[in-house]
Structures are given as structure tokens and as C-alpha cells.
Amino acid sequence: MLLHNEALGKLILRLTVGILILLHGVDKITHPAKVDYIASTLSASMFPSALAYGVYLGEVIAPLMLIFGIFTRYGAILIVINMVFAIMLMHMHHLFALTEHGGWRLELQGFFLFGALAIVFLGSGRFAFKAD
């Protein structure tokens, strides 16, 4: 029955998280200065600046893994790691902040983090090139 289709629900979640975060990765590809900014922020936080290139894993490679359903859980773990770093480095001051409309200031980052975490536990579902 269409209203109870676990595989379709997993596909919709994978595509939503994957496509929306991939757009952020494409932005990093087209604007490499943003990765330089991440590198300087990492360096200022006592992390190796070379870790900034991990953004391409978390925002390009991992979302493609989700979209196509190839090693989906590993791709989702990469996104979780990417989002933890993003929140720690760029958004900690907003962690407990609300918007002027009452929403959580980090709702987009939270969606990426917790959506990817849900995919870690749910897996790819049936509609995947390599279902897990």
C-alpha cells in the first residue's frame, strides 16, 4: 500500500538530505574562497587547516552516496561528522538561539545532522543502487 511504504519513505529522506546538502557542496566548488575561510577557522581552533577539504567529502561525495544509495550509511556518517564540525566551528554561538519568528536558529544544520543520523540507523532502503 502506498501510504505505508517504508522503502519510499527512506528514498524521500535520502534524496531530501542528499540534494539539499549537495547544493552547499556545489557552492563550495564554485566559490573556493569559502573553503579557505573554513581552513582559517580550523587553524584558529587548533585543527589542521587541511581538514577544510573534508567539506568536499561531507557536502559533495557523501550526498551523492545518499542520492544514489551507494554505501548509504557511510555517506550519512560523513554528513553527520561534517555537520558536527560545522556547528562546532561556525554556529556554536547560535546553539541555543531562536530566530525572530521563534524557530531554532540552527534548524537547517539540525535537519542535516539529524536527518543524516536517521539515515545511519535506517539504511538505504530498497530503492538504492547498493541497498544495505
N, C-alpha and C. Protein backbone atom coordinates (compact mmCIF):
# COMPACT_ATOMS: atom_id res chain seq x y z
N MET A 1 0.84 -1.18 0.00
CA MET A 1 0.00 0.00 0.00
C MET A 1 0.89 1.25 0.00
N LEU A 2 0.54 2.24 -0.78
CA LEU A 2 1.35 3.44 -0.96
C LEU A 2 1.49 4.25 0.33
N LEU A 3 0.48 4.26 1.18
CA LEU A 3 0.55 5.05 2.40
C LEU A 3 1.40 4.40 3.48
N HIS A 4 1.79 3.18 3.28
CA HIS A 4 2.71 2.51 4.21
C HIS A 4 3.82 1.87 3.38
N ASN A 5 4.75 2.71 2.96
CA ASN A 5 5.82 2.23 2.09
C ASN A 5 7.14 2.70 2.67
N GLU A 6 7.73 1.85 3.49
CA GLU A 6 8.97 2.17 4.18
C GLU A 6 10.10 2.49 3.20
N ALA A 7 10.20 1.72 2.13
CA ALA A 7 11.27 1.93 1.14
C ALA A 7 11.13 3.29 0.48
N LEU A 8 9.92 3.70 0.16
CA LEU A 8 9.71 5.01 -0.45
C LEU A 8 10.03 6.13 0.53
N GLY A 9 9.66 5.95 1.80
CA GLY A 9 9.99 6.95 2.82
C GLY A 9 11.50 7.12 2.97
N LYS A 10 12.23 6.03 2.95
CA LYS A 10 13.69 6.10 3.05
C LYS A 10 14.28 6.80 1.83
N LEU A 11 13.73 6.51 0.66
CA LEU A 11 14.21 7.18 -0.56
C LEU A 11 13.97 8.68 -0.48
N ILE A 12 12.79 9.08 -0.05
CA ILE A 12 12.48 10.51 0.05
C ILE A 12 13.42 11.19 1.04
N LEU A 13 13.69 10.56 2.17
CA LEU A 13 14.61 11.13 3.16
C LEU A 13 16.02 11.23 2.58
N ARG A 14 16.49 10.16 1.93
CA ARG A 14 17.82 10.18 1.33
C ARG A 14 17.94 11.28 0.29
N LEU A 15 16.96 11.38 -0.59
CA LEU A 15 17.02 12.39 -1.66
C LEU A 15 16.94 13.81 -1.08
N THR A 16 16.11 14.01 -0.09
CA THR A 16 15.97 15.35 0.51
C THR A 16 17.27 15.80 1.17
N VAL A 17 17.80 14.96 2.04
CA VAL A 17 19.06 15.32 2.72
C VAL A 17 20.17 15.44 1.68
N GLY A 18 20.27 14.46 0.79
CA GLY A 18 21.36 14.44 -0.20
C GLY A 18 21.35 15.64 -1.13
N ILE A 19 20.21 15.93 -1.71
CA ILE A 19 20.14 17.03 -2.68
C ILE A 19 20.37 18.37 -1.99
N LEU A 20 19.73 18.58 -0.84
CA LEU A 20 19.86 19.88 -0.18
C LEU A 20 21.27 20.15 0.30
N ILE A 21 21.97 19.15 0.82
CA ILE A 21 23.35 19.40 1.27
C ILE A 21 24.31 19.44 0.08
N LEU A 22 23.99 18.71 -0.99
CA LEU A 22 24.83 18.76 -2.20
C LEU A 22 24.89 20.18 -2.76
N LEU A 23 23.80 20.91 -2.67
CA LEU A 23 23.80 22.29 -3.17
C LEU A 23 24.83 23.15 -2.41
N HIS A 24 25.01 22.87 -1.13
CA HIS A 24 26.04 23.58 -0.35
C HIS A 24 27.42 23.18 -0.85
N GLY A 25 27.59 21.92 -1.21
CA GLY A 25 28.88 21.46 -1.74
C GLY A 25 29.19 22.08 -3.08
N VAL A 26 28.19 22.19 -3.94
CA VAL A 26 28.39 22.83 -5.25
C VAL A 26 28.80 24.28 -5.05
N ASP A 27 28.21 24.93 -4.06
CA ASP A 27 28.60 26.31 -3.74
C ASP A 27 30.06 26.38 -3.33
N LYS A 28 30.52 25.40 -2.57
CA LYS A 28 31.94 25.39 -2.16
C LYS A 28 32.85 25.16 -3.36
N ILE A 29 32.40 24.35 -4.31
CA ILE A 29 33.19 24.10 -5.53
C ILE A 29 33.28 25.38 -6.37
N THR A 30 32.19 26.08 -6.49
CA THR A 30 32.17 27.29 -7.33
C THR A 30 32.74 28.52 -6.63
N HIS A 31 32.87 28.46 -5.31
CA HIS A 31 33.45 29.57 -4.54
C HIS A 31 34.52 29.02 -3.60
N PRO A 32 35.69 28.67 -4.12
CA PRO A 32 36.73 28.04 -3.29
C PRO A 32 37.23 28.91 -2.13
N ALA A 33 36.98 30.20 -2.17
CA ALA A 33 37.38 31.06 -1.05
C ALA A 33 36.66 30.67 0.23
N LYS A 34 35.50 30.05 0.10
CA LYS A 34 34.76 29.61 1.29
C LYS A 34 35.51 28.48 1.99
N VAL A 35 36.17 27.63 1.21
CA VAL A 35 36.97 26.55 1.81
C VAL A 35 38.20 27.14 2.48
N ASP A 36 38.76 28.19 1.89
CA ASP A 36 39.89 28.88 2.52
C ASP A 36 39.47 29.48 3.87
N TYR A 37 38.27 30.02 3.93
CA TYR A 37 37.75 30.57 5.18
C TYR A 37 37.59 29.46 6.22
N ILE A 38 37.08 28.31 5.80
CA ILE A 38 36.95 27.16 6.70
C ILE A 38 38.33 26.74 7.21
N ALA A 39 39.31 26.73 6.31
CA ALA A 39 40.69 26.35 6.70
C ALA A 39 41.23 27.31 7.76
N SER A 40 41.00 28.60 7.58
CA SER A 40 41.49 29.56 8.57
C SER A 40 40.76 29.41 9.90
N THR A 41 39.48 29.11 9.85
CA THR A 41 38.71 28.89 11.08
C THR A 41 39.19 27.64 11.80
N LEU A 42 39.47 26.58 11.05
CA LEU A 42 40.01 25.36 11.64
C LEU A 42 41.35 25.64 12.30
N SER A 43 42.21 26.35 11.60
CA SER A 43 43.53 26.68 12.12
C SER A 43 43.44 27.49 13.41
N ALA A 44 42.53 28.44 13.43
CA ALA A 44 42.33 29.27 14.62
C ALA A 44 41.79 28.44 15.79
N SER A 45 41.15 27.31 15.47
CA SER A 45 40.61 26.43 16.51
C SER A 45 41.55 25.28 16.83
N MET A 46 42.80 25.40 16.40
CA MET A 46 43.85 24.42 16.68
C MET A 46 43.66 23.08 15.95
N PHE A 47 42.94 23.09 14.83
CA PHE A 47 42.81 21.92 13.97
C PHE A 47 43.68 22.14 12.75
N PRO A 48 44.15 21.08 12.12
CA PRO A 48 44.91 21.26 10.88
C PRO A 48 44.03 21.89 9.80
N SER A 49 44.53 22.91 9.14
CA SER A 49 43.74 23.60 8.12
C SER A 49 43.39 22.69 6.95
N ALA A 50 44.20 21.64 6.73
CA ALA A 50 43.92 20.70 5.63
C ALA A 50 42.58 19.99 5.81
N LEU A 51 42.07 19.95 7.04
CA LEU A 51 40.77 19.33 7.27
C LEU A 51 39.64 20.04 6.52
N ALA A 52 39.90 21.26 6.11
CA ALA A 52 38.87 22.03 5.39
C ALA A 52 38.45 21.32 4.11
N TYR A 53 39.35 20.57 3.51
CA TYR A 53 39.00 19.86 2.28
C TYR A 53 38.04 18.71 2.54
N GLY A 54 37.86 18.34 3.81
CA GLY A 54 36.87 17.35 4.18
C GLY A 54 35.45 17.82 3.88
N VAL A 55 35.28 19.13 3.72
CA VAL A 55 33.96 19.66 3.36
C VAL A 55 33.50 19.08 2.02
N TYR A 56 34.44 18.79 1.14
CA TYR A 56 34.06 18.18 -0.14
C TYR A 56 33.55 16.75 0.06
N LEU A 57 34.11 16.05 1.04
CA LEU A 57 33.59 14.71 1.36
C LEU A 57 32.17 14.82 1.92
N GLY A 58 31.99 15.72 2.89
CA GLY A 58 30.71 15.84 3.58
C GLY A 58 29.62 16.53 2.80
N GLU A 59 30.00 17.35 1.80
CA GLU A 59 28.98 18.11 1.08
C GLU A 59 28.91 17.79 -0.41
N VAL A 60 29.77 16.93 -0.90
CA VAL A 60 29.70 16.52 -2.31
C VAL A 60 29.65 14.99 -2.42
N ILE A 61 30.68 14.32 -1.95
CA ILE A 61 30.76 12.86 -2.10
C ILE A 61 29.66 12.17 -1.29
N ALA A 62 29.55 12.51 -0.01
CA ALA A 62 28.56 11.86 0.85
C ALA A 62 27.13 12.07 0.36
N PRO A 63 26.74 13.28 -0.05
CA PRO A 63 25.38 13.44 -0.56
C PRO A 63 25.13 12.61 -1.82
N LEU A 64 26.13 12.49 -2.67
CA LEU A 64 25.97 11.65 -3.87
C LEU A 64 25.78 10.19 -3.46
N MET A 65 26.47 9.77 -2.41
CA MET A 65 26.29 8.41 -1.89
C MET A 65 24.85 8.20 -1.44
N LEU A 66 24.27 9.21 -0.78
CA LEU A 66 22.88 9.11 -0.34
C LEU A 66 21.92 9.12 -1.52
N ILE A 67 22.14 10.03 -2.45
CA ILE A 67 21.23 10.17 -3.59
C ILE A 67 21.16 8.87 -4.39
N PHE A 68 22.31 8.27 -4.64
CA PHE A 68 22.34 7.06 -5.45
C PHE A 68 22.17 5.79 -4.63
N GLY A 69 22.27 5.89 -3.33
CA GLY A 69 22.11 4.72 -2.49
C GLY A 69 23.29 3.77 -2.59
N ILE A 70 24.48 4.33 -2.53
CA ILE A 70 25.71 3.53 -2.58
C ILE A 70 26.45 3.76 -1.26
N PHE A 71 26.63 2.69 -0.47
CA PHE A 71 27.24 2.80 0.86
C PHE A 71 26.57 3.95 1.64
N THR A 72 25.26 3.90 1.66
CA THR A 72 24.44 4.98 2.21
C THR A 72 24.77 5.31 3.66
N ARG A 73 24.91 4.31 4.48
CA ARG A 73 25.17 4.56 5.90
C ARG A 73 26.51 5.28 6.08
N TYR A 74 27.52 4.90 5.30
CA TYR A 74 28.82 5.56 5.39
C TYR A 74 28.72 7.02 4.93
N GLY A 75 27.98 7.25 3.87
CA GLY A 75 27.76 8.62 3.41
C GLY A 75 27.06 9.46 4.48
N ALA A 76 26.07 8.86 5.13
CA ALA A 76 25.34 9.57 6.18
C ALA A 76 26.26 9.87 7.36
N ILE A 77 27.15 8.94 7.71
CA ILE A 77 28.11 9.19 8.79
C ILE A 77 29.02 10.36 8.43
N LEU A 78 29.45 10.43 7.18
CA LEU A 78 30.29 11.55 6.74
C LEU A 78 29.55 12.88 6.91
N ILE A 79 28.26 12.88 6.57
CA ILE A 79 27.47 14.11 6.72
C ILE A 79 27.32 14.47 8.19
N VAL A 80 27.09 13.48 9.05
CA VAL A 80 26.99 13.75 10.49
C VAL A 80 28.28 14.39 10.99
N ILE A 81 29.43 13.83 10.62
CA ILE A 81 30.72 14.38 11.04
C ILE A 81 30.88 15.80 10.50
N ASN A 82 30.55 15.99 9.23
CA ASN A 82 30.64 17.31 8.60
C ASN A 82 29.79 18.33 9.37
N MET A 83 28.59 17.94 9.74
CA MET A 83 27.69 18.88 10.42
C MET A 83 28.14 19.15 11.86
N VAL A 84 28.69 18.15 12.53
CA VAL A 84 29.22 18.39 13.88
C VAL A 84 30.34 19.42 13.82
N PHE A 85 31.24 19.27 12.85
CA PHE A 85 32.32 20.26 12.69
C PHE A 85 31.74 21.63 12.33
N ALA A 86 30.78 21.67 11.42
CA ALA A 86 30.19 22.95 11.02
C ALA A 86 29.55 23.66 12.21
N ILE A 87 28.82 22.91 13.01
CA ILE A 87 28.17 23.52 14.18
C ILE A 87 29.22 23.97 15.20
N MET A 88 30.22 23.11 15.44
CA MET A 88 31.26 23.48 16.41
C MET A 88 32.05 24.71 15.98
N LEU A 89 32.40 24.79 14.71
CA LEU A 89 33.28 25.86 14.24
C LEU A 89 32.55 27.15 13.89
N MET A 90 31.37 27.04 13.35
CA MET A 90 30.71 28.23 12.80
C MET A 90 29.44 28.65 13.53
N HIS A 91 28.83 27.74 14.27
CA HIS A 91 27.48 28.04 14.76
C HIS A 91 27.27 27.85 16.26
N MET A 92 28.33 27.62 17.03
CA MET A 92 28.14 27.37 18.47
C MET A 92 27.41 28.51 19.16
N HIS A 93 27.66 29.74 18.72
CA HIS A 93 27.01 30.89 19.36
C HIS A 93 25.51 30.94 19.08
N HIS A 94 25.03 30.12 18.14
CA HIS A 94 23.60 30.06 17.82
C HIS A 94 22.94 28.81 18.39
N LEU A 95 23.67 27.99 19.11
CA LEU A 95 23.17 26.69 19.53
C LEU A 95 21.85 26.80 20.31
N PHE A 96 21.73 27.79 21.15
CA PHE A 96 20.52 27.94 21.95
C PHE A 96 19.72 29.19 21.55
N ALA A 97 19.93 29.65 20.33
CA ALA A 97 19.28 30.87 19.88
C ALA A 97 18.06 30.55 19.02
N LEU A 98 17.11 31.47 19.07
CA LEU A 98 15.91 31.37 18.25
C LEU A 98 15.91 32.50 17.22
N THR A 99 15.17 32.31 16.14
CA THR A 99 15.01 33.37 15.16
C THR A 99 13.95 34.35 15.65
N GLU A 100 13.77 35.41 14.92
CA GLU A 100 12.75 36.41 15.30
C GLU A 100 11.35 35.83 15.21
N HIS A 101 11.19 34.69 14.52
CA HIS A 101 9.88 34.05 14.38
C HIS A 101 9.71 32.87 15.33
N GLY A 102 10.70 32.65 16.21
CA GLY A 102 10.58 31.62 17.22
C GLY A 102 11.18 30.28 16.84
N GLY A 103 11.69 30.15 15.62
CA GLY A 103 12.31 28.89 15.21
C GLY A 103 13.73 28.79 15.73
N TRP A 104 14.25 27.59 15.77
CA TRP A 104 15.64 27.38 16.19
C TRP A 104 16.55 27.96 15.13
N ARG A 105 17.52 28.75 15.52
CA ARG A 105 18.43 29.40 14.58
C ARG A 105 19.21 28.38 13.75
N LEU A 106 19.41 27.19 14.30
CA LEU A 106 20.18 26.16 13.58
C LEU A 106 19.28 25.07 12.99
N GLU A 107 18.06 25.42 12.61
CA GLU A 107 17.17 24.36 12.14
C GLU A 107 17.68 23.71 10.85
N LEU A 108 18.31 24.44 9.95
CA LEU A 108 18.85 23.82 8.74
C LEU A 108 19.98 22.87 9.08
N GLN A 109 20.91 23.33 9.91
CA GLN A 109 22.02 22.48 10.33
C GLN A 109 21.50 21.28 11.12
N GLY A 110 20.51 21.51 11.95
CA GLY A 110 19.90 20.42 12.71
C GLY A 110 19.23 19.41 11.81
N PHE A 111 18.55 19.90 10.76
CA PHE A 111 17.93 18.98 9.81
C PHE A 111 18.98 18.12 9.13
N PHE A 112 20.06 18.72 8.68
CA PHE A 112 21.12 17.94 8.03
C PHE A 112 21.72 16.93 9.01
N LEU A 113 22.02 17.37 10.23
CA LEU A 113 22.64 16.50 11.22
C LEU A 113 21.71 15.33 11.59
N PHE A 114 20.49 15.64 11.99
CA PHE A 114 19.60 14.59 12.48
C PHE A 114 18.95 13.79 11.34
N GLY A 115 18.78 14.41 10.17
CA GLY A 115 18.33 13.65 9.01
C GLY A 115 19.35 12.61 8.60
N ALA A 116 20.63 13.02 8.59
CA ALA A 116 21.70 12.08 8.26
C ALA A 116 21.82 11.00 9.33
N LEU A 117 21.65 11.39 10.59
CA LEU A 117 21.72 10.40 11.67
C LEU A 117 20.59 9.38 11.53
N ALA A 118 19.42 9.83 11.14
CA ALA A 118 18.30 8.90 10.90
C ALA A 118 18.66 7.92 9.78
N ILE A 119 19.31 8.40 8.74
CA ILE A 119 19.71 7.54 7.63
C ILE A 119 20.75 6.52 8.08
N VAL A 120 21.64 6.92 9.00
CA VAL A 120 22.61 5.97 9.55
C VAL A 120 21.87 4.77 10.14
N PHE A 121 20.80 5.03 10.88
CA PHE A 121 20.06 3.95 11.53
C PHE A 121 19.09 3.24 10.60
N LEU A 122 18.52 3.95 9.63
CA LEU A 122 17.54 3.35 8.74
C LEU A 122 18.16 2.60 7.56
N GLY A 123 19.30 3.06 7.09
CA GLY A 123 19.90 2.47 5.89
C GLY A 123 19.28 3.02 4.63
N SER A 124 19.64 2.43 3.52
CA SER A 124 19.26 2.97 2.22
C SER A 124 17.83 2.65 1.82
N GLY A 125 17.32 1.54 2.26
CA GLY A 125 16.04 1.08 1.76
C GLY A 125 16.22 0.33 0.46
N ARG A 126 15.13 -0.11 -0.10
CA ARG A 126 15.16 -0.95 -1.30
C ARG A 126 15.55 -0.20 -2.56
N PHE A 127 15.19 1.08 -2.65
CA PHE A 127 15.45 1.86 -3.87
C PHE A 127 16.84 2.46 -3.83
N ALA A 128 17.84 1.64 -4.04
CA ALA A 128 19.23 2.07 -3.98
C ALA A 128 20.03 1.22 -4.97
N PHE A 129 21.13 1.79 -5.47
CA PHE A 129 22.00 1.00 -6.34
C PHE A 129 22.65 -0.13 -5.57
N LYS A 130 22.96 0.12 -4.30
CA LYS A 130 23.55 -0.92 -3.45
C LYS A 130 22.83 -0.87 -2.11
N ALA A 131 21.68 -1.51 -2.04
CA ALA A 131 20.87 -1.49 -0.82
C ALA A 131 21.65 -2.13 0.32
N ASP A 132 21.49 -1.56 1.52
CA ASP A 132 22.16 -2.15 2.69
C ASP A 132 21.16 -2.67 3.69
